[in-house]
Amino acid sequence: MGSLSIWHWLIIAAVFVVFFGAKRMPDAARSLGRSLRIFKSEVSEMHNDGKSASPAATQPAPELPAGREANASATETRSESKTL
């Protein structure tokens, strides 16, 4: 009861051919293949980003020169006072 027999698959295929037409089926299959390839490459890229991000996360943040630190904190203080 849970599995589909060959007759079920043939009926499904016939409905697709009638619904989409024989002319559009290759285009639909081609675009589905492209979408799957893009999805696979994005998933593998996410896995690679996770592996390469680990060593970068352990490195300390670069320090700003003394003049920029004072300037950044002054700008931060001004923006906080404007919002209050």
N, C-alpha and C. Protein backbone atom coordinates (compact mmCIF):
# COMPACT_ATOMS: atom_id res chain seq x y z
N MET A 1 0.81 -1.18 0.00
CA MET A 1 0.00 0.00 0.00
C MET A 1 0.86 1.26 0.00
N GLY A 2 2.03 1.22 0.64
CA GLY A 2 2.88 2.40 0.74
C GLY A 2 3.73 2.64 -0.50
N SER A 3 3.94 1.63 -1.31
CA SER A 3 4.80 1.81 -2.48
C SER A 3 3.96 1.97 -3.75
N LEU A 4 4.57 2.62 -4.72
CA LEU A 4 3.88 2.81 -6.00
C LEU A 4 4.28 1.71 -6.97
N SER A 5 3.31 1.17 -7.65
CA SER A 5 3.60 0.13 -8.64
C SER A 5 3.98 0.79 -9.96
N ILE A 6 4.33 -0.02 -10.94
CA ILE A 6 4.72 0.49 -12.25
C ILE A 6 3.55 1.20 -12.92
N TRP A 7 2.34 0.75 -12.66
CA TRP A 7 1.16 1.38 -13.27
C TRP A 7 0.96 2.79 -12.71
N HIS A 8 1.22 2.97 -11.46
CA HIS A 8 1.11 4.30 -10.87
C HIS A 8 2.11 5.27 -11.52
N TRP A 9 3.35 4.81 -11.68
CA TRP A 9 4.37 5.65 -12.29
C TRP A 9 4.03 5.98 -13.73
N LEU A 10 3.47 5.02 -14.47
CA LEU A 10 3.08 5.27 -15.87
C LEU A 10 1.96 6.30 -15.94
N ILE A 11 1.01 6.22 -15.04
CA ILE A 11 -0.08 7.20 -15.02
C ILE A 11 0.45 8.58 -14.68
N ILE A 12 1.35 8.67 -13.73
CA ILE A 12 1.96 9.95 -13.36
C ILE A 12 2.74 10.53 -14.54
N ALA A 13 3.51 9.70 -15.23
CA ALA A 13 4.27 10.16 -16.39
C ALA A 13 3.34 10.64 -17.50
N ALA A 14 2.25 9.92 -17.73
CA ALA A 14 1.30 10.33 -18.76
C ALA A 14 0.65 11.66 -18.42
N VAL A 15 0.33 11.87 -17.16
CA VAL A 15 -0.26 13.14 -16.74
C VAL A 15 0.73 14.28 -16.96
N PHE A 16 2.00 14.05 -16.65
CA PHE A 16 3.01 15.09 -16.88
C PHE A 16 3.15 15.41 -18.36
N VAL A 17 3.15 14.40 -19.21
CA VAL A 17 3.29 14.63 -20.64
C VAL A 17 2.08 15.40 -21.16
N VAL A 18 0.89 15.03 -20.73
CA VAL A 18 -0.31 15.73 -21.18
C VAL A 18 -0.33 17.14 -20.62
N PHE A 19 0.03 17.29 -19.36
CA PHE A 19 -0.04 18.59 -18.70
C PHE A 19 1.00 19.57 -19.25
N PHE A 20 2.24 19.14 -19.35
CA PHE A 20 3.32 20.02 -19.81
C PHE A 20 3.55 19.95 -21.31
N GLY A 21 3.21 18.86 -21.93
CA GLY A 21 3.47 18.70 -23.35
C GLY A 21 4.86 18.12 -23.57
N ALA A 22 4.99 17.33 -24.61
CA ALA A 22 6.26 16.67 -24.90
C ALA A 22 7.35 17.67 -25.27
N LYS A 23 6.95 18.82 -25.79
CA LYS A 23 7.94 19.81 -26.21
C LYS A 23 8.59 20.50 -25.02
N ARG A 24 7.87 20.72 -23.94
CA ARG A 24 8.41 21.44 -22.79
C ARG A 24 9.10 20.53 -21.78
N MET A 25 8.92 19.25 -21.88
CA MET A 25 9.52 18.32 -20.91
C MET A 25 11.05 18.39 -20.88
N PRO A 26 11.75 18.38 -22.04
CA PRO A 26 13.22 18.47 -21.98
C PRO A 26 13.70 19.79 -21.36
N ASP A 27 13.01 20.88 -21.66
CA ASP A 27 13.39 22.16 -21.06
C ASP A 27 13.19 22.15 -19.55
N ALA A 28 12.10 21.55 -19.10
CA ALA A 28 11.84 21.46 -17.66
C ALA A 28 12.90 20.60 -16.98
N ALA A 29 13.26 19.49 -17.59
CA ALA A 29 14.28 18.62 -17.02
C ALA A 29 15.65 19.31 -16.99
N ARG A 30 15.95 20.06 -18.04
CA ARG A 30 17.22 20.78 -18.11
C ARG A 30 17.29 21.85 -17.01
N SER A 31 16.22 22.60 -16.83
CA SER A 31 16.23 23.64 -15.80
C SER A 31 16.26 23.03 -14.39
N LEU A 32 15.63 21.87 -14.23
CA LEU A 32 15.70 21.18 -12.94
C LEU A 32 17.13 20.73 -12.66
N GLY A 33 17.82 20.21 -13.68
CA GLY A 33 19.22 19.81 -13.52
C GLY A 33 20.12 20.97 -13.16
N ARG A 34 19.90 22.12 -13.80
CA ARG A 34 20.69 23.31 -13.47
C ARG A 34 20.45 23.74 -12.03
N SER A 35 19.20 23.72 -11.63
CA SER A 35 18.87 24.12 -10.26
C SER A 35 19.53 23.20 -9.25
N LEU A 36 19.53 21.90 -9.52
CA LEU A 36 20.17 20.95 -8.61
C LEU A 36 21.68 21.16 -8.56
N ARG A 37 22.30 21.46 -9.70
CA ARG A 37 23.74 21.73 -9.71
C ARG A 37 24.08 22.97 -8.90
N ILE A 38 23.28 24.02 -9.06
CA ILE A 38 23.50 25.25 -8.29
C ILE A 38 23.33 24.97 -6.81
N PHE A 39 22.30 24.22 -6.46
CA PHE A 39 22.04 23.89 -5.06
C PHE A 39 23.21 23.11 -4.47
N LYS A 40 23.72 22.11 -5.20
CA LYS A 40 24.84 21.32 -4.71
C LYS A 40 26.09 22.18 -4.53
N SER A 41 26.36 23.08 -5.47
CA SER A 41 27.55 23.92 -5.35
C SER A 41 27.42 24.88 -4.17
N GLU A 42 26.22 25.39 -3.93
CA GLU A 42 26.03 26.28 -2.79
C GLU A 42 26.19 25.54 -1.46
N VAL A 43 25.69 24.32 -1.40
CA VAL A 43 25.83 23.53 -0.17
C VAL A 43 27.29 23.21 0.08
N SER A 44 28.02 22.82 -0.96
CA SER A 44 29.45 22.52 -0.78
C SER A 44 30.22 23.78 -0.41
N GLU A 45 29.83 24.93 -0.96
CA GLU A 45 30.48 26.19 -0.62
C GLU A 45 30.23 26.55 0.84
N MET A 46 29.02 26.26 1.34
CA MET A 46 28.72 26.52 2.75
C MET A 46 29.58 25.65 3.65
N HIS A 47 29.79 24.38 3.25
CA HIS A 47 30.64 23.50 4.05
C HIS A 47 32.08 23.99 4.03
N ASN A 48 32.56 24.46 2.87
CA ASN A 48 33.92 24.97 2.77
C ASN A 48 34.09 26.25 3.58
N ASP A 49 33.07 27.12 3.58
CA ASP A 49 33.15 28.35 4.36
C ASP A 49 33.22 28.04 5.84
N GLY A 50 32.51 27.04 6.29
CA GLY A 50 32.54 26.67 7.70
C GLY A 50 33.91 26.17 8.12
N LYS A 51 34.57 25.44 7.25
CA LYS A 51 35.90 24.92 7.57
C LYS A 51 36.95 26.02 7.53
N SER A 52 36.87 26.93 6.57
CA SER A 52 37.88 27.98 6.45
C SER A 52 37.64 29.09 7.47
N ALA A 53 36.43 29.23 7.99
CA ALA A 53 36.14 30.29 8.95
C ALA A 53 36.69 29.95 10.33
N SER A 54 36.88 28.70 10.64
CA SER A 54 37.36 28.31 11.96
C SER A 54 38.74 28.87 12.29
N PRO A 55 39.76 28.74 11.42
CA PRO A 55 41.07 29.32 11.76
C PRO A 55 41.03 30.84 11.81
N ALA A 56 40.21 31.47 10.99
CA ALA A 56 40.14 32.93 10.98
C ALA A 56 39.50 33.45 12.26
N ALA A 57 38.60 32.68 12.84
CA ALA A 57 37.92 33.12 14.06
C ALA A 57 38.87 33.11 15.24
N THR A 58 39.92 32.31 15.21
CA THR A 58 40.85 32.24 16.33
C THR A 58 41.88 33.35 16.29
N GLN A 59 42.04 34.03 15.15
CA GLN A 59 43.00 35.12 15.05
C GLN A 59 42.43 36.37 15.70
N PRO A 60 43.26 37.14 16.42
CA PRO A 60 42.76 38.37 17.03
C PRO A 60 42.44 39.42 15.98
N ALA A 61 41.55 40.32 16.33
CA ALA A 61 41.18 41.40 15.42
C ALA A 61 42.35 42.37 15.29
N PRO A 62 42.54 42.95 14.11
CA PRO A 62 43.64 43.90 13.94
C PRO A 62 43.38 45.16 14.76
N GLU A 63 44.47 45.70 15.32
CA GLU A 63 44.34 46.89 16.16
C GLU A 63 44.39 48.13 15.30
N LEU A 64 43.60 49.14 15.70
CA LEU A 64 43.60 50.41 15.01
C LEU A 64 44.75 51.26 15.51
N PRO A 65 45.29 52.14 14.69
CA PRO A 65 46.31 53.07 15.18
C PRO A 65 45.72 53.96 16.27
N ALA A 66 46.57 54.55 17.11
CA ALA A 66 46.13 55.32 18.28
C ALA A 66 45.19 56.45 17.89
N GLY A 67 45.46 57.15 16.81
CA GLY A 67 44.62 58.27 16.38
C GLY A 67 43.23 57.81 15.97
N ARG A 68 43.13 56.66 15.36
CA ARG A 68 41.83 56.17 14.90
C ARG A 68 40.99 55.65 16.06
N GLU A 69 41.64 55.09 17.09
CA GLU A 69 40.87 54.61 18.25
C GLU A 69 40.18 55.77 18.94
N ALA A 70 40.90 56.85 19.15
CA ALA A 70 40.32 58.01 19.83
C ALA A 70 39.21 58.61 18.98
N ASN A 71 39.43 58.67 17.67
CA ASN A 71 38.44 59.23 16.76
C ASN A 71 37.19 58.35 16.73
N ALA A 72 37.36 57.04 16.74
CA ALA A 72 36.23 56.12 16.69
C ALA A 72 35.42 56.21 17.97
N SER A 73 36.08 56.32 19.13
CA SER A 73 35.34 56.41 20.39
C SER A 73 34.62 57.74 20.49
N ALA A 74 35.20 58.82 19.97
CA ALA A 74 34.54 60.13 20.00
C ALA A 74 33.31 60.11 19.10
N THR A 75 33.41 59.51 17.94
CA THR A 75 32.28 59.40 17.03
C THR A 75 31.18 58.57 17.66
N GLU A 76 31.58 57.50 18.34
CA GLU A 76 30.62 56.62 19.00
C GLU A 76 29.89 57.38 20.10
N THR A 77 30.60 58.20 20.88
CA THR A 77 29.99 58.97 21.96
C THR A 77 29.02 60.00 21.40
N ARG A 78 29.39 60.66 20.29
CA ARG A 78 28.49 61.64 19.69
C ARG A 78 27.22 60.99 19.18
N SER A 79 27.33 59.82 18.55
CA SER A 79 26.15 59.17 18.01
C SER A 79 25.25 58.68 19.13
N GLU A 80 25.81 58.27 20.28
CA GLU A 80 25.00 57.84 21.41
C GLU A 80 24.26 59.01 22.02
N SER A 81 24.91 60.17 22.11
CA SER A 81 24.24 61.32 22.70
C SER A 81 23.12 61.84 21.81
N LYS A 82 23.22 61.68 20.50
CA LYS A 82 22.16 62.12 19.58
C LYS A 82 20.93 61.23 19.73
N THR A 83 21.13 59.94 19.98
CA THR A 83 20.00 59.04 20.08
C THR A 83 19.28 59.15 21.41
N LEU A 84 19.93 59.68 22.44
CA LEU A 84 19.29 59.80 23.76
C LEU A 84 18.43 60.98 23.76
